[in-house]
Amino acid sequence: MSRRRSLQFCRSLHQVIGDDPLRWTTITAVADRLGIDQDEAEALAAELDAAHLVRVGGGGHSVTLAEAGRRLVTDAAKPQPSSGRQRLRPAGEPGRDVGSRGKGNPRR
């Protein structure tokens, strides 16, 4: 299963249950959020359960986020660090310190 698909399922599940690690919901509720049918959602939940991202219970009809799934959702929401590389400017484009300095910021 792709990371993107896993993240979509876990995000949708998180939107339903929030941050409560003890809260469960139906796979149908997640399927409705994703706009997929019940069978596809159950298959995704089973794969994610095997990957330890969610826990499936209630005879295969209920689901909650496992800790790894919760981390996947929260880590994806954090801004990614920049690569540290500066954007290359096209030839002839002035750099940051070229041009008007403005009235309120005199250079020393």
Protein backbone atom coordinates (compact mmCIF):
# COMPACT_ATOMS: atom_id res chain seq x y z
CA MET A 1 0.00 0.00 0.00
CA SER A 2 1.27 3.46 -0.83
CA ARG A 3 2.21 5.91 1.90
CA ARG A 4 -0.23 8.40 0.38
CA ARG A 5 -3.16 6.00 0.62
CA SER A 6 -2.20 5.02 4.17
CA LEU A 7 -2.01 8.68 5.14
CA GLN A 8 -5.41 9.43 3.56
CA PHE A 9 -7.07 6.63 5.51
CA CYS A 10 -5.36 7.56 8.80
CA ARG A 11 -6.18 11.26 8.35
CA SER A 12 -9.82 10.49 7.66
CA LEU A 13 -9.94 8.24 10.70
CA HIS A 14 -8.28 10.94 12.82
CA GLN A 15 -10.86 13.49 11.65
CA VAL A 16 -13.61 11.20 12.94
CA ILE A 17 -12.09 10.14 16.28
CA GLY A 18 -9.88 13.14 17.08
CA ASP A 19 -7.00 12.76 19.51
CA ASP A 20 -8.72 10.25 21.80
CA PRO A 21 -6.67 7.02 21.64
CA LEU A 22 -9.55 5.05 23.16
CA ARG A 23 -12.20 6.15 20.66
CA TRP A 24 -13.33 3.78 17.91
CA THR A 25 -15.52 4.40 14.89
CA THR A 26 -17.05 2.34 12.13
CA ILE A 27 -15.12 1.62 8.97
CA THR A 28 -18.23 2.89 7.17
CA ALA A 29 -17.68 6.38 8.65
CA VAL A 30 -14.12 6.41 7.30
CA ALA A 31 -15.28 5.05 3.92
CA ASP A 32 -17.85 7.85 3.68
CA ARG A 33 -15.15 10.47 4.37
CA LEU A 34 -12.88 8.95 1.73
CA GLY A 35 -15.69 8.51 -0.78
CA ILE A 36 -14.98 4.79 -1.25
CA ASP A 37 -17.17 1.72 -0.83
CA GLN A 38 -17.32 -0.38 2.32
CA ASP A 39 -15.44 -3.36 0.88
CA GLU A 40 -12.50 -1.23 -0.23
CA ALA A 41 -12.39 0.50 3.15
CA GLU A 42 -12.40 -2.84 4.98
CA ALA A 43 -9.55 -4.10 2.78
CA LEU A 44 -7.55 -0.93 3.46
CA ALA A 45 -8.23 -1.21 7.19
CA ALA A 46 -7.04 -4.82 7.19
CA GLU A 47 -3.80 -3.86 5.41
CA LEU A 48 -3.22 -0.96 7.80
CA ASP A 49 -3.95 -3.24 10.75
CA ALA A 50 -1.25 -5.63 9.50
CA ALA A 51 1.10 -2.62 9.19
CA HIS A 52 0.24 -1.62 12.80
CA LEU A 53 -1.12 1.80 11.76
CA VAL A 54 -4.70 1.08 12.86
CA ARG A 55 -6.47 -1.50 14.99
CA VAL A 56 -9.53 -3.27 13.63
CA GLY A 57 -12.13 -4.70 15.99
CA GLY A 58 -15.83 -5.37 16.31
CA GLY A 59 -15.75 -8.29 13.93
CA GLY A 60 -13.92 -6.21 11.31
CA HIS A 61 -16.36 -3.29 11.36
CA SER A 62 -14.71 -0.89 13.84
CA VAL A 63 -11.37 0.86 13.64
CA THR A 64 -9.12 3.13 15.69
CA LEU A 65 -5.68 4.61 15.19
CA ALA A 66 -2.69 2.75 16.56
CA GLU A 67 0.18 4.87 17.89
CA ALA A 68 2.12 4.53 14.62
CA GLY A 69 -0.90 5.76 12.67
CA ARG A 70 -1.33 8.70 15.03
CA ARG A 71 2.35 9.61 14.50
CA LEU A 72 1.91 9.31 10.72
CA VAL A 73 -0.93 11.85 10.83
CA THR A 74 0.76 14.30 13.21
CA ASP A 75 4.15 14.10 11.47
CA ALA A 76 2.53 14.76 8.10
CA ALA A 77 0.92 17.89 9.53
CA LYS A 78 4.27 19.33 10.66
CA PRO A 79 6.10 21.62 8.25
CA GLN A 80 8.94 19.85 6.50
CA PRO A 81 12.43 21.26 7.06
CA SER A 82 13.91 23.09 4.10
CA SER A 83 16.74 21.48 2.24
CA GLY A 84 19.01 24.38 3.15
CA ARG A 85 19.55 25.17 -0.51
CA GLN A 86 18.74 28.63 -1.73
CA ARG A 87 16.65 29.18 -4.80
CA LEU A 88 18.77 29.94 -7.82
CA ARG A 89 17.95 33.28 -9.37
CA PRO A 90 17.76 33.71 -13.13
CA ALA A 91 20.61 35.69 -14.66
CA GLY A 92 20.10 39.41 -14.26
CA GLU A 93 17.66 39.13 -11.33
CA PRO A 94 18.88 41.23 -8.39
CA GLY A 95 19.75 39.63 -5.08
CA ARG A 96 18.05 40.42 -1.78
CA ASP A 97 20.38 43.20 -0.68
CA VAL A 98 20.30 45.10 -3.96
CA GLY A 99 17.83 47.90 -4.45
CA SER A 100 15.91 50.24 -2.18
CA ARG A 101 16.60 50.03 1.49
CA GLY A 102 13.46 51.85 2.54
CA LYS A 103 13.18 54.80 4.90
CA GLY A 104 12.95 52.92 8.17
CA ASN A 105 15.92 50.58 7.74
CA PRO A 106 19.16 52.51 7.21
CA ARG A 107 22.28 50.42 6.60
CA ARG A 108 25.20 50.95 8.90
